[in-house]
Amino acid sequence: MNLWYAPAGTDCAIHNRHDFIEVHTQITGTGRMQKFHAPDHASLYQDIPMAPGYTTPQPFCRTNPDGGYLYPWHQYRADTDCVWLAVEYHLPAR
């Protein structure tokens, strides 16, 4: 688990690589999970508002044939000063 603080207006880096399954929970403040077609803010295609207590209902990833994980470009964005939790599930390789 990774507990994060982000001040209002913070983009927490567009990325698409994880070696684990990850879900996100909003602890305080408001923010959003965002998905992109490319590592560019102009390519935003999904914006998921997150209020305190909200957890993303499913991981953003798909499974590779080799057992790894494919993530779309995504990031967390803080609307207000906030704390959010990234929960990582590290599963054994197949």
C-alpha atoms as a PDB file:
ATOM      1  CA  MET A   1       0.000   0.000   0.000  1.00  0.00           C
ATOM      2  CA  ASN A   2       1.158   3.500  -0.808  1.00  0.00           C
ATOM      3  CA  LEU A   3      -0.433   6.436   0.972  1.00  0.00           C
ATOM      4  CA  TRP A   4      -0.035   9.698  -0.965  1.00  0.00           C
ATOM      5  CA  TYR A   5      -0.638  13.365  -0.230  1.00  0.00           C
ATOM      6  CA  ALA A   6      -1.114  15.746  -3.157  1.00  0.00           C
ATOM      7  CA  PRO A   7      -1.874  19.477  -3.016  1.00  0.00           C
ATOM      8  CA  ALA A   8      -4.767  20.871  -5.061  1.00  0.00           C
ATOM      9  CA  GLY A   9      -4.114  20.938  -8.814  1.00  0.00           C
ATOM     10  CA  THR A  10      -1.357  18.296  -8.778  1.00  0.00           C
ATOM     11  CA  ASP A  11      -1.058  15.923 -11.729  1.00  0.00           C
ATOM     12  CA  CYS A  12       0.632  12.811 -10.351  1.00  0.00           C
ATOM     13  CA  ALA A  13       2.377  11.734 -13.575  1.00  0.00           C
ATOM     14  CA  ILE A  14       0.898   9.968 -16.584  1.00  0.00           C
ATOM     15  CA  HIS A  15       2.310   6.425 -16.707  1.00  0.00           C
ATOM     16  CA  ASN A  16       1.389   2.959 -18.000  1.00  0.00           C
ATOM     17  CA  ARG A  17       3.730   0.503 -16.301  1.00  0.00           C
ATOM     18  CA  HIS A  18       3.238  -1.565 -13.196  1.00  0.00           C
ATOM     19  CA  ASP A  19       4.395  -5.090 -12.396  1.00  0.00           C
ATOM     20  CA  PHE A  20       1.351  -5.554 -10.175  1.00  0.00           C
ATOM     21  CA  ILE A  21      -2.406  -5.037 -10.035  1.00  0.00           C
ATOM     22  CA  GLU A  22      -3.367  -1.671  -8.533  1.00  0.00           C
ATOM     23  CA  VAL A  23      -6.595  -0.070  -7.276  1.00  0.00           C
ATOM     24  CA  HIS A  24      -7.047   3.392  -5.754  1.00  0.00           C
ATOM     25  CA  THR A  25      -9.032   4.720  -2.773  1.00  0.00           C
ATOM     26  CA  GLN A  26      -9.740   8.362  -1.929  1.00  0.00           C
ATOM     27  CA  ILE A  27      -9.102   9.074   1.771  1.00  0.00           C
ATOM     28  CA  THR A  28      -9.616  12.865   2.120  1.00  0.00           C
ATOM     29  CA  GLY A  29     -10.322  15.678  -0.327  1.00  0.00           C
ATOM     30  CA  THR A  30     -11.353  15.091  -3.927  1.00  0.00           C
ATOM     31  CA  GLY A  31      -9.427  13.938  -6.949  1.00  0.00           C
ATOM     32  CA  ARG A  32      -9.795  11.833 -10.046  1.00  0.00           C
ATOM     33  CA  MET A  33      -8.280   8.881 -11.827  1.00  0.00           C
ATOM     34  CA  GLN A  34      -7.733   9.675 -15.487  1.00  0.00           C
ATOM     35  CA  LYS A  35      -7.034   7.494 -18.539  1.00  0.00           C
ATOM     36  CA  PHE A  36      -5.248   8.697 -21.681  1.00  0.00           C
ATOM     37  CA  HIS A  37      -4.623   7.359 -25.192  1.00  0.00           C
ATOM     38  CA  ALA A  38      -1.030   8.668 -25.013  1.00  0.00           C
ATOM     39  CA  PRO A  39       1.231  10.282 -22.386  1.00  0.00           C
ATOM     40  CA  ASP A  40      -0.357  13.662 -23.187  1.00  0.00           C
ATOM     41  CA  HIS A  41      -3.091  15.490 -21.257  1.00  0.00           C
ATOM     42  CA  ALA A  42      -4.877  16.297 -24.538  1.00  0.00           C
ATOM     43  CA  SER A  43      -5.512  12.560 -25.105  1.00  0.00           C
ATOM     44  CA  LEU A  44      -7.738  12.177 -22.001  1.00  0.00           C
ATOM     45  CA  TYR A  45     -10.594   9.727 -22.640  1.00  0.00           C
ATOM     46  CA  GLN A  46     -11.864   8.798 -19.160  1.00  0.00           C
ATOM     47  CA  ASP A  47     -12.100  10.943 -16.028  1.00  0.00           C
ATOM     48  CA  ILE A  48     -13.286   9.216 -12.833  1.00  0.00           C
ATOM     49  CA  PRO A  49     -14.166  11.624  -9.968  1.00  0.00           C
ATOM     50  CA  MET A  50     -13.156  10.359  -6.529  1.00  0.00           C
ATOM     51  CA  ALA A  51     -14.717  11.551  -3.252  1.00  0.00           C
ATOM     52  CA  PRO A  52     -13.675  10.328   0.215  1.00  0.00           C
ATOM     53  CA  GLY A  53     -14.337   6.600   0.553  1.00  0.00           C
ATOM     54  CA  TYR A  54     -14.501   5.931  -3.209  1.00  0.00           C
ATOM     55  CA  THR A  55     -12.441   3.000  -4.495  1.00  0.00           C
ATOM     56  CA  THR A  56     -11.923   2.291  -8.176  1.00  0.00           C
ATOM     57  CA  PRO A  57     -14.240  -0.686  -8.764  1.00  0.00           C
ATOM     58  CA  GLN A  58     -11.694  -2.654 -10.780  1.00  0.00           C
ATOM     59  CA  PRO A  59      -8.039  -2.401 -11.758  1.00  0.00           C
ATOM     60  CA  PHE A  60      -7.263  -0.539 -14.986  1.00  0.00           C
ATOM     61  CA  CYS A  61      -5.057  -3.373 -16.261  1.00  0.00           C
ATOM     62  CA  ARG A  62      -5.518  -6.347 -18.527  1.00  0.00           C
ATOM     63  CA  THR A  63      -3.397  -9.490 -18.327  1.00  0.00           C
ATOM     64  CA  ASN A  64      -0.708 -10.234 -20.922  1.00  0.00           C
ATOM     65  CA  PRO A  65      -0.463 -13.766 -22.339  1.00  0.00           C
ATOM     66  CA  ASP A  66       2.858 -14.058 -20.430  1.00  0.00           C
ATOM     67  CA  GLY A  67       1.110 -13.203 -17.128  1.00  0.00           C
ATOM     68  CA  GLY A  68       2.225  -9.549 -16.962  1.00  0.00           C
ATOM     69  CA  TYR A  69      -0.101  -6.559 -16.852  1.00  0.00           C
ATOM     70  CA  LEU A  70      -1.075  -4.060 -19.555  1.00  0.00           C
ATOM     71  CA  TYR A  71      -2.153  -0.645 -18.281  1.00  0.00           C
ATOM     72  CA  PRO A  72      -3.518   2.256 -20.281  1.00  0.00           C
ATOM     73  CA  TRP A  73      -1.778   5.582 -19.806  1.00  0.00           C
ATOM     74  CA  HIS A  74      -3.241   6.876 -16.529  1.00  0.00           C
ATOM     75  CA  GLN A  75      -2.683   9.210 -13.609  1.00  0.00           C
ATOM     76  CA  TYR A  76      -4.206  10.491 -10.395  1.00  0.00           C
ATOM     77  CA  ARG A  77      -5.089  14.224 -10.317  1.00  0.00           C
ATOM     78  CA  ALA A  78      -5.803  16.135  -7.094  1.00  0.00           C
ATOM     79  CA  ASP A  79      -8.720  18.585  -7.280  1.00  0.00           C
ATOM     80  CA  THR A  80      -8.275  19.704  -3.651  1.00  0.00           C
ATOM     81  CA  ASP A  81      -5.548  19.020  -1.109  1.00  0.00           C
ATOM     82  CA  CYS A  82      -6.023  15.293  -0.627  1.00  0.00           C
ATOM     83  CA  VAL A  83      -4.788  11.944   0.578  1.00  0.00           C
ATOM     84  CA  TRP A  84      -5.305   8.830  -1.523  1.00  0.00           C
ATOM     85  CA  LEU A  85      -4.226   5.227  -1.275  1.00  0.00           C
ATOM     86  CA  ALA A  86      -2.805   3.016  -4.015  1.00  0.00           C
ATOM     87  CA  VAL A  87      -3.234  -0.655  -3.109  1.00  0.00           C
ATOM     88  CA  GLU A  88      -0.842  -2.970  -4.962  1.00  0.00           C
ATOM     89  CA  TYR A  89      -1.456  -6.674  -5.403  1.00  0.00           C
ATOM     90  CA  HIS A  90       1.814  -8.473  -6.151  1.00  0.00           C
ATOM     91  CA  LEU A  91       0.852 -11.915  -7.417  1.00  0.00           C
ATOM     92  CA  PRO A  92       3.333 -14.740  -8.081  1.00  0.00           C
ATOM     93  CA  ALA A  93       4.430 -15.164 -11.709  1.00  0.00           C
ATOM     94  CA  ARG A  94       2.798 -17.964 -13.654  1.00  0.00           C
END
